[in-house]
N, C-alpha and C. Protein backbone atom coordinates (compact mmCIF):
# COMPACT_ATOMS: atom_id res chain seq x y z
N MET A 1 114.08 101.23 75.98
CA MET A 1 112.84 101.89 75.70
C MET A 1 113.16 103.10 74.84
N SER A 2 112.27 103.40 73.94
CA SER A 2 112.43 104.54 73.03
C SER A 2 112.28 105.86 73.80
N ASP A 3 112.57 106.93 73.08
CA ASP A 3 112.48 108.27 73.67
C ASP A 3 111.08 108.56 74.19
N MET A 4 111.02 108.93 75.47
CA MET A 4 109.73 109.29 76.10
C MET A 4 109.86 110.64 76.78
N SER A 5 110.72 111.50 76.22
CA SER A 5 111.03 112.78 76.86
C SER A 5 109.85 113.72 76.95
N ARG A 6 108.82 113.51 76.17
CA ARG A 6 107.64 114.41 76.20
C ARG A 6 106.59 113.96 77.21
N ILE A 7 106.76 112.76 77.76
CA ILE A 7 105.78 112.23 78.72
C ILE A 7 106.29 112.57 80.11
N ARG A 8 105.42 113.21 80.89
CA ARG A 8 105.81 113.64 82.24
C ARG A 8 104.75 113.22 83.24
N ARG A 9 105.21 112.89 84.45
CA ARG A 9 104.28 112.60 85.54
C ARG A 9 104.62 113.53 86.71
N ASP A 10 103.69 114.34 87.08
CA ASP A 10 103.87 115.29 88.17
C ASP A 10 102.63 115.15 89.07
N PRO A 11 102.84 114.84 90.36
CA PRO A 11 101.67 114.68 91.24
C PRO A 11 100.79 115.91 91.34
N THR A 12 101.30 117.08 90.96
CA THR A 12 100.50 118.33 91.06
C THR A 12 99.77 118.62 89.74
N VAL A 13 99.95 117.81 88.73
CA VAL A 13 99.29 118.01 87.43
C VAL A 13 98.47 116.77 87.11
N MET A 14 97.17 116.95 86.97
CA MET A 14 96.25 115.86 86.57
C MET A 14 96.41 114.67 87.46
N ALA A 15 96.60 114.89 88.75
CA ALA A 15 96.72 113.83 89.78
C ALA A 15 97.86 112.83 89.48
N GLY A 16 98.88 113.32 88.84
CA GLY A 16 100.02 112.48 88.53
C GLY A 16 99.91 111.54 87.32
N LYS A 17 98.84 111.71 86.56
CA LYS A 17 98.67 110.89 85.37
C LYS A 17 99.72 111.30 84.34
N PRO A 18 100.17 110.35 83.51
CA PRO A 18 101.13 110.71 82.47
C PRO A 18 100.55 111.75 81.51
N CYS A 19 101.30 112.86 81.35
CA CYS A 19 100.82 113.94 80.53
C CYS A 19 101.88 114.27 79.45
N ILE A 20 101.40 115.02 78.46
CA ILE A 20 102.29 115.48 77.39
C ILE A 20 102.96 116.79 77.85
N ARG A 21 104.27 116.75 77.80
CA ARG A 21 105.10 117.88 78.22
C ARG A 21 104.57 118.39 79.56
N ASP A 22 104.38 119.67 79.73
CA ASP A 22 103.88 120.16 80.99
C ASP A 22 102.43 120.66 80.84
N MET A 23 101.72 120.05 79.88
CA MET A 23 100.33 120.44 79.65
C MET A 23 99.39 119.51 80.43
N ARG A 24 98.16 119.90 80.45
CA ARG A 24 97.14 119.10 81.09
C ARG A 24 96.44 118.18 80.07
N VAL A 25 97.23 117.62 79.19
CA VAL A 25 96.75 116.66 78.18
C VAL A 25 97.33 115.32 78.57
N THR A 26 96.47 114.39 78.92
CA THR A 26 96.95 113.07 79.37
C THR A 26 97.21 112.10 78.17
N VAL A 27 98.05 111.15 78.42
CA VAL A 27 98.30 110.09 77.47
C VAL A 27 96.95 109.39 77.23
N ALA A 28 96.21 109.15 78.29
CA ALA A 28 94.92 108.44 78.17
C ALA A 28 93.95 109.16 77.25
N MET A 29 93.94 110.48 77.28
CA MET A 29 93.05 111.24 76.42
C MET A 29 93.43 111.01 74.95
N ILE A 30 94.72 111.03 74.68
CA ILE A 30 95.17 110.85 73.29
C ILE A 30 94.85 109.43 72.83
N VAL A 31 95.15 108.45 73.66
CA VAL A 31 94.89 107.06 73.28
C VAL A 31 93.41 106.82 73.08
N SER A 32 92.60 107.34 73.97
CA SER A 32 91.15 107.12 73.85
C SER A 32 90.57 107.78 72.59
N GLN A 33 91.11 108.95 72.23
CA GLN A 33 90.68 109.60 70.99
C GLN A 33 91.04 108.75 69.76
N ILE A 34 92.22 108.21 69.75
CA ILE A 34 92.65 107.32 68.64
C ILE A 34 91.78 106.07 68.61
N ALA A 35 91.47 105.51 69.78
CA ALA A 35 90.65 104.32 69.88
C ALA A 35 89.22 104.57 69.34
N GLU A 36 88.76 105.80 69.50
CA GLU A 36 87.43 106.17 69.02
C GLU A 36 87.43 106.51 67.53
N GLY A 37 88.57 106.43 66.87
CA GLY A 37 88.60 106.66 65.44
C GLY A 37 89.28 107.95 64.98
N ALA A 38 89.72 108.74 65.90
CA ALA A 38 90.42 109.99 65.49
C ALA A 38 91.77 109.63 64.85
N THR A 39 92.14 110.42 63.91
CA THR A 39 93.47 110.24 63.30
C THR A 39 94.44 111.21 63.94
N VAL A 40 95.72 110.97 63.70
CA VAL A 40 96.72 111.89 64.22
C VAL A 40 96.50 113.27 63.65
N ASP A 41 96.20 113.37 62.36
CA ASP A 41 95.97 114.67 61.76
C ASP A 41 94.77 115.38 62.37
N THR A 42 93.72 114.63 62.67
CA THR A 42 92.50 115.21 63.32
C THR A 42 92.91 115.78 64.69
N LEU A 43 93.66 114.99 65.44
CA LEU A 43 94.05 115.47 66.78
C LEU A 43 94.90 116.75 66.66
N LEU A 44 95.79 116.77 65.69
CA LEU A 44 96.63 117.96 65.51
C LEU A 44 95.82 119.19 65.12
N GLU A 45 94.72 118.98 64.38
CA GLU A 45 93.85 120.09 64.03
C GLU A 45 93.03 120.53 65.25
N GLU A 46 92.51 119.58 66.01
CA GLU A 46 91.65 119.90 67.13
C GLU A 46 92.41 120.47 68.33
N PHE A 47 93.69 120.08 68.45
CA PHE A 47 94.54 120.52 69.55
C PHE A 47 95.82 121.10 68.99
N PRO A 48 95.76 122.34 68.50
CA PRO A 48 96.92 122.90 67.78
C PRO A 48 98.18 123.05 68.63
N TYR A 49 98.06 122.94 69.92
CA TYR A 49 99.23 123.03 70.79
C TYR A 49 99.98 121.68 70.88
N LEU A 50 99.40 120.63 70.34
CA LEU A 50 100.07 119.32 70.28
C LEU A 50 100.93 119.25 69.03
N GLU A 51 101.98 118.48 69.16
CA GLU A 51 102.85 118.20 67.98
C GLU A 51 102.79 116.71 67.68
N ARG A 52 103.08 116.36 66.43
CA ARG A 52 103.01 115.00 65.99
C ARG A 52 103.80 114.06 66.93
N GLU A 53 104.98 114.49 67.35
CA GLU A 53 105.81 113.68 68.24
C GLU A 53 105.15 113.47 69.61
N ASP A 54 104.32 114.43 70.06
CA ASP A 54 103.58 114.23 71.31
C ASP A 54 102.69 113.01 71.20
N ILE A 55 101.96 112.94 70.11
CA ILE A 55 101.03 111.83 69.90
C ILE A 55 101.79 110.52 69.74
N THR A 56 102.86 110.54 68.97
CA THR A 56 103.67 109.35 68.76
C THR A 56 104.17 108.80 70.11
N GLN A 57 104.68 109.71 70.94
CA GLN A 57 105.23 109.26 72.22
C GLN A 57 104.11 108.79 73.16
N ALA A 58 102.93 109.40 73.08
CA ALA A 58 101.79 108.90 73.92
C ALA A 58 101.45 107.50 73.53
N LEU A 59 101.37 107.24 72.24
CA LEU A 59 101.04 105.89 71.79
C LEU A 59 102.15 104.90 72.15
N ARG A 60 103.38 105.30 72.03
CA ARG A 60 104.50 104.45 72.40
C ARG A 60 104.49 104.15 73.89
N TYR A 61 104.19 105.14 74.72
CA TYR A 61 104.12 104.97 76.17
C TYR A 61 102.96 103.98 76.50
N ALA A 62 101.83 104.16 75.89
CA ALA A 62 100.69 103.30 76.16
C ALA A 62 101.03 101.85 75.75
N ALA A 63 101.70 101.66 74.63
CA ALA A 63 102.07 100.31 74.20
C ALA A 63 103.04 99.69 75.17
N TYR A 64 104.00 100.47 75.63
CA TYR A 64 104.95 99.98 76.62
C TYR A 64 104.26 99.56 77.91
N MET A 65 103.35 100.39 78.39
CA MET A 65 102.60 100.09 79.62
C MET A 65 101.77 98.85 79.46
N ALA A 66 101.12 98.70 78.31
CA ALA A 66 100.28 97.52 78.08
C ALA A 66 101.11 96.25 78.00
N SER A 67 102.32 96.37 77.47
CA SER A 67 103.15 95.16 77.33
C SER A 67 103.82 94.75 78.64
N SER A 68 103.84 95.60 79.62
CA SER A 68 104.49 95.30 80.86
C SER A 68 103.58 94.82 81.97
N GLN A 69 102.29 94.70 81.67
CA GLN A 69 101.34 94.26 82.69
C GLN A 69 100.43 93.20 82.09
N GLU A 70 100.13 92.21 82.89
CA GLU A 70 99.21 91.17 82.45
C GLU A 70 97.84 91.48 83.04
N ILE A 71 96.80 91.37 82.23
CA ILE A 71 95.43 91.60 82.68
C ILE A 71 94.66 90.32 82.35
N ASP A 72 93.96 89.82 83.35
CA ASP A 72 93.15 88.61 83.14
C ASP A 72 91.92 88.97 82.37
N LEU A 73 91.83 88.48 81.14
CA LEU A 73 90.69 88.80 80.25
C LEU A 73 89.75 87.61 80.12
N SER A 74 89.92 86.60 81.00
CA SER A 74 89.05 85.43 80.89
C SER A 74 87.65 85.82 81.30
N PRO A 75 86.63 85.17 80.67
CA PRO A 75 85.25 85.52 81.02
C PRO A 75 84.95 85.16 82.46
N ALA A 76 84.08 85.94 83.05
CA ALA A 76 83.65 85.68 84.44
C ALA A 76 82.86 84.37 84.48
N ALA A 77 83.01 83.66 85.55
CA ALA A 77 82.30 82.36 85.68
C ALA A 77 80.94 82.54 86.24
């Protein structure tokens, strides 16, 4: 697995959700912003305390988590 040194899980921060460094910025927040059309540059402008590598590692972490779990996407009967 690639470097994930900026992703931290602490049960006392954001209920243990994966966060960027020791901030209250979750991986899910970053991924959802990208999914809604935000660019990396936009996120860096809106959240000046983030660094480009924070966003890269959040996306890498999300991709790793998605590849390690199977989700049944078949239509309901």
